[in-house]
Amino acid sequence: MKVQDIKEIAQKMAIHCGKLKKGELIRLIQVTEGNNACFDSGQSSQCGQQGCLWAEDCN
């Protein structure tokens, strides 16, 4: 997913993007959704979030 698409999702959730990097922004969205901030943490096989929006880009 492109950074601009992620920023649009964040804005819809009233999250101020500022100069956050892609991973930081996704983790902030995850926390806002009430999920674990696990994006790009190396735990993708253990997070248990099969329907995650970020799964394609996650490690």
PDB file of N, CA and C in Angstrom:
ATOM      1  N   MET A   1       0.846  -1.169   0.000  1.00  0.00           N
ATOM      2  CA  MET A   1       0.000   0.000   0.000  1.00  0.00           C
ATOM      3  C   MET A   1       0.896   1.239   0.000  1.00  0.00           C
ATOM      4  N   LYS A   2       0.521   2.219  -0.769  1.00  0.00           N
ATOM      5  CA  LYS A   2       1.318   3.437  -0.877  1.00  0.00           C
ATOM      6  C   LYS A   2       1.091   4.346   0.330  1.00  0.00           C
ATOM      7  N   VAL A   3       2.098   5.137   0.646  1.00  0.00           N
ATOM      8  CA  VAL A   3       2.042   6.026   1.801  1.00  0.00           C
ATOM      9  C   VAL A   3       0.850   6.980   1.705  1.00  0.00           C
ATOM     10  N   GLN A   4       0.563   7.491   0.524  1.00  0.00           N
ATOM     11  CA  GLN A   4      -0.567   8.405   0.369  1.00  0.00           C
ATOM     12  C   GLN A   4      -1.882   7.725   0.739  1.00  0.00           C
ATOM     13  N   ASP A   5      -2.039   6.459   0.370  1.00  0.00           N
ATOM     14  CA  ASP A   5      -3.244   5.703   0.729  1.00  0.00           C
ATOM     15  C   ASP A   5      -3.341   5.542   2.244  1.00  0.00           C
ATOM     16  N   ILE A   6      -2.207   5.287   2.879  1.00  0.00           N
ATOM     17  CA  ILE A   6      -2.173   5.123   4.331  1.00  0.00           C
ATOM     18  C   ILE A   6      -2.515   6.441   5.018  1.00  0.00           C
ATOM     19  N   LYS A   7      -2.003   7.547   4.487  1.00  0.00           N
ATOM     20  CA  LYS A   7      -2.307   8.861   5.061  1.00  0.00           C
ATOM     21  C   LYS A   7      -3.795   9.169   4.959  1.00  0.00           C
ATOM     22  N   GLU A   8      -4.426   8.769   3.869  1.00  0.00           N
ATOM     23  CA  GLU A   8      -5.868   8.987   3.704  1.00  0.00           C
ATOM     24  C   GLU A   8      -6.651   8.194   4.745  1.00  0.00           C
ATOM     25  N   ILE A   9      -6.231   6.960   5.009  1.00  0.00           N
ATOM     26  CA  ILE A   9      -6.874   6.150   6.046  1.00  0.00           C
ATOM     27  C   ILE A   9      -6.708   6.825   7.400  1.00  0.00           C
ATOM     28  N   ALA A  10      -5.506   7.294   7.683  1.00  0.00           N
ATOM     29  CA  ALA A  10      -5.223   7.958   8.959  1.00  0.00           C
ATOM     30  C   ALA A  10      -6.073   9.210   9.116  1.00  0.00           C
ATOM     31  N   GLN A  11      -6.184   9.997   8.073  1.00  0.00           N
ATOM     32  CA  GLN A  11      -6.965  11.233   8.148  1.00  0.00           C
ATOM     33  C   GLN A  11      -8.432  10.942   8.434  1.00  0.00           C
ATOM     34  N   LYS A  12      -8.964   9.871   7.862  1.00  0.00           N
ATOM     35  CA  LYS A  12     -10.352   9.477   8.122  1.00  0.00           C
ATOM     36  C   LYS A  12     -10.544   9.084   9.579  1.00  0.00           C
ATOM     37  N   MET A  13      -9.456   8.685  10.228  1.00  0.00           N
ATOM     38  CA  MET A  13      -9.503   8.290  11.639  1.00  0.00           C
ATOM     39  C   MET A  13      -9.078   9.443  12.552  1.00  0.00           C
ATOM     40  N   ALA A  14      -8.946  10.634  11.991  1.00  0.00           N
ATOM     41  CA  ALA A  14      -8.536  11.837  12.728  1.00  0.00           C
ATOM     42  C   ALA A  14      -7.149  11.695  13.343  1.00  0.00           C
ATOM     43  N   ILE A  15      -6.261  11.018  12.631  1.00  0.00           N
ATOM     44  CA  ILE A  15      -4.874  10.863  13.066  1.00  0.00           C
ATOM     45  C   ILE A  15      -4.026  11.866  12.305  1.00  0.00           C
ATOM     46  N   HIS A  16      -3.252  12.649  13.043  1.00  0.00           N
ATOM     47  CA  HIS A  16      -2.350  13.620  12.427  1.00  0.00           C
ATOM     48  C   HIS A  16      -1.104  12.885  11.933  1.00  0.00           C
ATOM     49  N   CYS A  17      -0.846  12.938  10.648  1.00  0.00           N
ATOM     50  CA  CYS A  17       0.247  12.184  10.038  1.00  0.00           C
ATOM     51  C   CYS A  17       1.609  12.822  10.259  1.00  0.00           C
ATOM     52  N   GLY A  18       1.670  14.135  10.162  1.00  0.00           N
ATOM     53  CA  GLY A  18       2.948  14.820  10.317  1.00  0.00           C
ATOM     54  C   GLY A  18       3.996  14.231   9.397  1.00  0.00           C
ATOM     55  N   LYS A  19       5.178  13.991   9.938  1.00  0.00           N
ATOM     56  CA  LYS A  19       6.280  13.434   9.149  1.00  0.00           C
ATOM     57  C   LYS A  19       6.572  11.995   9.541  1.00  0.00           C
ATOM     58  N   LEU A  20       5.533  11.276   9.965  1.00  0.00           N
ATOM     59  CA  LEU A  20       5.719   9.882  10.352  1.00  0.00           C
ATOM     60  C   LEU A  20       6.100   9.041   9.140  1.00  0.00           C
ATOM     61  N   LYS A  21       6.954   8.080   9.373  1.00  0.00           N
ATOM     62  CA  LYS A  21       7.318   7.130   8.324  1.00  0.00           C
ATOM     63  C   LYS A  21       6.182   6.122   8.172  1.00  0.00           C
ATOM     64  N   LYS A  22       6.206   5.385   7.084  1.00  0.00           N
ATOM     65  CA  LYS A  22       5.138   4.438   6.767  1.00  0.00           C
ATOM     66  C   LYS A  22       4.854   3.480   7.923  1.00  0.00           C
ATOM     67  N   GLY A  23       5.875   2.838   8.442  1.00  0.00           N
ATOM     68  CA  GLY A  23       5.691   1.876   9.519  1.00  0.00           C
ATOM     69  C   GLY A  23       5.146   2.504  10.780  1.00  0.00           C
ATOM     70  N   GLU A  24       5.636   3.692  11.113  1.00  0.00           N
ATOM     71  CA  GLU A  24       5.169   4.399  12.312  1.00  0.00           C
ATOM     72  C   GLU A  24       3.687   4.750  12.182  1.00  0.00           C
ATOM     73  N   LEU A  25       3.297   5.193  11.004  1.00  0.00           N
ATOM     74  CA  LEU A  25       1.916   5.571  10.762  1.00  0.00           C
ATOM     75  C   LEU A  25       0.997   4.357  10.830  1.00  0.00           C
ATOM     76  N   ILE A  26       1.413   3.266  10.235  1.00  0.00           N
ATOM     77  CA  ILE A  26       0.600   2.051  10.278  1.00  0.00           C
ATOM     78  C   ILE A  26       0.443   1.568  11.717  1.00  0.00           C
ATOM     79  N   ARG A  27       1.519   1.573  12.492  1.00  0.00           N
ATOM     80  CA  ARG A  27       1.417   1.143  13.897  1.00  0.00           C
ATOM     81  C   ARG A  27       0.497   2.062  14.694  1.00  0.00           C
ATOM     82  N   LEU A  28       0.514   3.354  14.406  1.00  0.00           N
ATOM     83  CA  LEU A  28      -0.383   4.284  15.076  1.00  0.00           C
ATOM     84  C   LEU A  28      -1.837   3.984  14.710  1.00  0.00           C
ATOM     85  N   ILE A  29      -2.086   3.669  13.461  1.00  0.00           N
ATOM     86  CA  ILE A  29      -3.436   3.273  13.030  1.00  0.00           C
ATOM     87  C   ILE A  29      -3.857   1.997  13.746  1.00  0.00           C
ATOM     88  N   GLN A  30      -2.952   1.026  13.824  1.00  0.00           N
ATOM     89  CA  GLN A  30      -3.273  -0.227  14.501  1.00  0.00           C
ATOM     90  C   GLN A  30      -3.684   0.021  15.953  1.00  0.00           C
ATOM     91  N   VAL A  31      -2.940   0.861  16.646  1.00  0.00           N
ATOM     92  CA  VAL A  31      -3.256   1.160  18.046  1.00  0.00           C
ATOM     93  C   VAL A  31      -4.602   1.877  18.148  1.00  0.00           C
ATOM     94  N   THR A  32      -4.852   2.805  17.243  1.00  0.00           N
ATOM     95  CA  THR A  32      -6.115   3.547  17.232  1.00  0.00           C
ATOM     96  C   THR A  32      -7.288   2.602  17.011  1.00  0.00           C
ATOM     97  N   GLU A  33      -7.081   1.556  16.210  1.00  0.00           N
ATOM     98  CA  GLU A  33      -8.120   0.556  15.957  1.00  0.00           C
ATOM     99  C   GLU A  33      -8.306  -0.392  17.136  1.00  0.00           C
ATOM    100  N   GLY A  34      -7.389  -0.339  18.108  1.00  0.00           N
ATOM    101  CA  GLY A  34      -7.466  -1.236  19.251  1.00  0.00           C
ATOM    102  C   GLY A  34      -6.712  -2.535  19.036  1.00  0.00           C
ATOM    103  N   ASN A  35      -5.828  -2.547  18.049  1.00  0.00           N
ATOM    104  CA  ASN A  35      -5.040  -3.741  17.740  1.00  0.00           C
ATOM    105  C   ASN A  35      -3.613  -3.587  18.256  1.00  0.00           C
ATOM    106  N   ASN A  36      -2.871  -4.670  18.211  1.00  0.00           N
ATOM    107  CA  ASN A  36      -1.459  -4.620  18.562  1.00  0.00           C
ATOM    108  C   ASN A  36      -0.695  -3.876  17.481  1.00  0.00           C
ATOM    109  N   ALA A  37       0.290  -3.094  17.887  1.00  0.00           N
ATOM    110  CA  ALA A  37       1.126  -2.362  16.937  1.00  0.00           C
ATOM    111  C   ALA A  37       2.237  -3.290  16.464  1.00  0.00           C
ATOM    112  N   CYS A  38       1.865  -4.259  15.639  1.00  0.00           N
ATOM    113  CA  CYS A  38       2.796  -5.320  15.274  1.00  0.00           C
ATOM    114  C   CYS A  38       3.380  -5.178  13.869  1.00  0.00           C
ATOM    115  N   PHE A  39       2.953  -4.156  13.106  1.00  0.00           N
ATOM    116  CA  PHE A  39       3.416  -4.023  11.728  1.00  0.00           C
ATOM    117  C   PHE A  39       4.925  -3.947  11.658  1.00  0.00           C
ATOM    118  N   ASP A  40       5.501  -4.752  10.779  1.00  0.00           N
ATOM    119  CA  ASP A  40       6.935  -4.749  10.497  1.00  0.00           C
ATOM    120  C   ASP A  40       7.782  -5.011  11.745  1.00  0.00           C
ATOM    121  N   SER A  41       7.243  -5.853  12.626  1.00  0.00           N
ATOM    122  CA  SER A  41       7.956  -6.157  13.866  1.00  0.00           C
ATOM    123  C   SER A  41       8.613  -7.543  13.824  1.00  0.00           C
ATOM    124  N   GLY A  42       8.454  -8.239  12.706  1.00  0.00           N
ATOM    125  CA  GLY A  42       9.008  -9.577  12.592  1.00  0.00           C
ATOM    126  C   GLY A  42       8.118 -10.632  13.217  1.00  0.00           C
ATOM    127  N   GLN A  43       6.912 -10.235  13.614  1.00  0.00           N
ATOM    128  CA  GLN A  43       5.996 -11.151  14.283  1.00  0.00           C
ATOM    129  C   GLN A  43       4.749 -11.446  13.456  1.00  0.00           C
ATOM    130  N   SER A  44       4.810 -11.229  12.165  1.00  0.00           N
ATOM    131  CA  SER A  44       3.627 -11.367  11.324  1.00  0.00           C
ATOM    132  C   SER A  44       3.016 -12.769  11.377  1.00  0.00           C
ATOM    133  N   SER A  45       3.835 -13.776  11.573  1.00  0.00           N
ATOM    134  CA  SER A  45       3.295 -15.138  11.635  1.00  0.00           C
ATOM    135  C   SER A  45       2.657 -15.438  12.985  1.00  0.00           C
ATOM    136  N   GLN A  46       2.862 -14.569  13.962  1.00  0.00           N
ATOM    137  CA  GLN A  46       2.353 -14.805  15.309  1.00  0.00           C
ATOM    138  C   GLN A  46       1.291 -13.803  15.753  1.00  0.00           C
ATOM    139  N   CYS A  47       0.999 -12.793  14.964  1.00  0.00           N
ATOM    140  CA  CYS A  47       0.113 -11.723  15.421  1.00  0.00           C
ATOM    141  C   CYS A  47      -1.344 -12.156  15.493  1.00  0.00           C
ATOM    142  N   GLY A  48      -1.749 -13.120  14.678  1.00  0.00           N
ATOM    143  CA  GLY A  48      -3.112 -13.625  14.723  1.00  0.00           C
ATOM    144  C   GLY A  48      -4.137 -12.741  14.026  1.00  0.00           C
ATOM    145  N   GLN A  49      -3.714 -11.764  13.269  1.00  0.00           N
ATOM    146  CA  GLN A  49      -4.631 -10.865  12.581  1.00  0.00           C
ATOM    147  C   GLN A  49      -4.643 -11.202  11.090  1.00  0.00           C
ATOM    148  N   GLN A  50      -5.336 -12.280  10.733  1.00  0.00           N
ATOM    149  CA  GLN A  50      -5.349 -12.767   9.361  1.00  0.00           C
ATOM    150  C   GLN A  50      -5.937 -11.775   8.365  1.00  0.00           C
ATOM    151  N   GLY A  51      -6.950 -11.010   8.739  1.00  0.00           N
ATOM    152  CA  GLY A  51      -7.605 -10.102   7.817  1.00  0.00           C
ATOM    153  C   GLY A  51      -7.031  -8.697   7.853  1.00  0.00           C
ATOM    154  N   CYS A  52      -5.825  -8.567   8.335  1.00  0.00           N
ATOM    155  CA  CYS A  52      -5.200  -7.263   8.515  1.00  0.00           C
ATOM    156  C   CYS A  52      -4.981  -6.551   7.182  1.00  0.00           C
ATOM    157  N   LEU A  53      -5.268  -5.257   7.168  1.00  0.00           N
ATOM    158  CA  LEU A  53      -5.061  -4.434   5.975  1.00  0.00           C
ATOM    159  C   LEU A  53      -3.612  -4.383   5.555  1.00  0.00           C
ATOM    160  N   TRP A  54      -2.700  -4.541   6.499  1.00  0.00           N
ATOM    161  CA  TRP A  54      -1.289  -4.325   6.260  1.00  0.00           C
ATOM    162  C   TRP A  54      -0.521  -5.620   5.989  1.00  0.00           C
ATOM    163  N   ALA A  55      -1.195  -6.757   6.003  1.00  0.00           N
ATOM    164  CA  ALA A  55      -0.536  -8.059   5.900  1.00  0.00           C
ATOM    165  C   ALA A  55       0.369  -8.174   4.666  1.00  0.00           C
ATOM    166  N   GLU A  56      -0.032  -7.605   3.564  1.00  0.00           N
ATOM    167  CA  GLU A  56       0.747  -7.703   2.327  1.00  0.00           C
ATOM    168  C   GLU A  56       2.133  -7.067   2.467  1.00  0.00           C
ATOM    169  N   ASP A  57       2.234  -5.998   3.249  1.00  0.00           N
ATOM    170  CA  ASP A  57       3.488  -5.282   3.412  1.00  0.00           C
ATOM    171  C   ASP A  57       4.244  -5.666   4.687  1.00  0.00           C
ATOM    172  N   CYS A  58       3.666  -6.514   5.498  1.00  0.00           N
ATOM    173  CA  CYS A  58       4.220  -6.801   6.821  1.00  0.00           C
ATOM    174  C   CYS A  58       5.275  -7.897   6.799  1.00  0.00           C
ATOM    175  N   ASN A  59       6.201  -7.798   7.756  1.00  0.00           N
ATOM    176  CA  ASN A  59       7.254  -8.827   7.941  1.00  0.00           C
ATOM    177  C   ASN A  59       7.114  -9.445   9.298  1.00  0.00           C
TER     178      ASN A  59
END
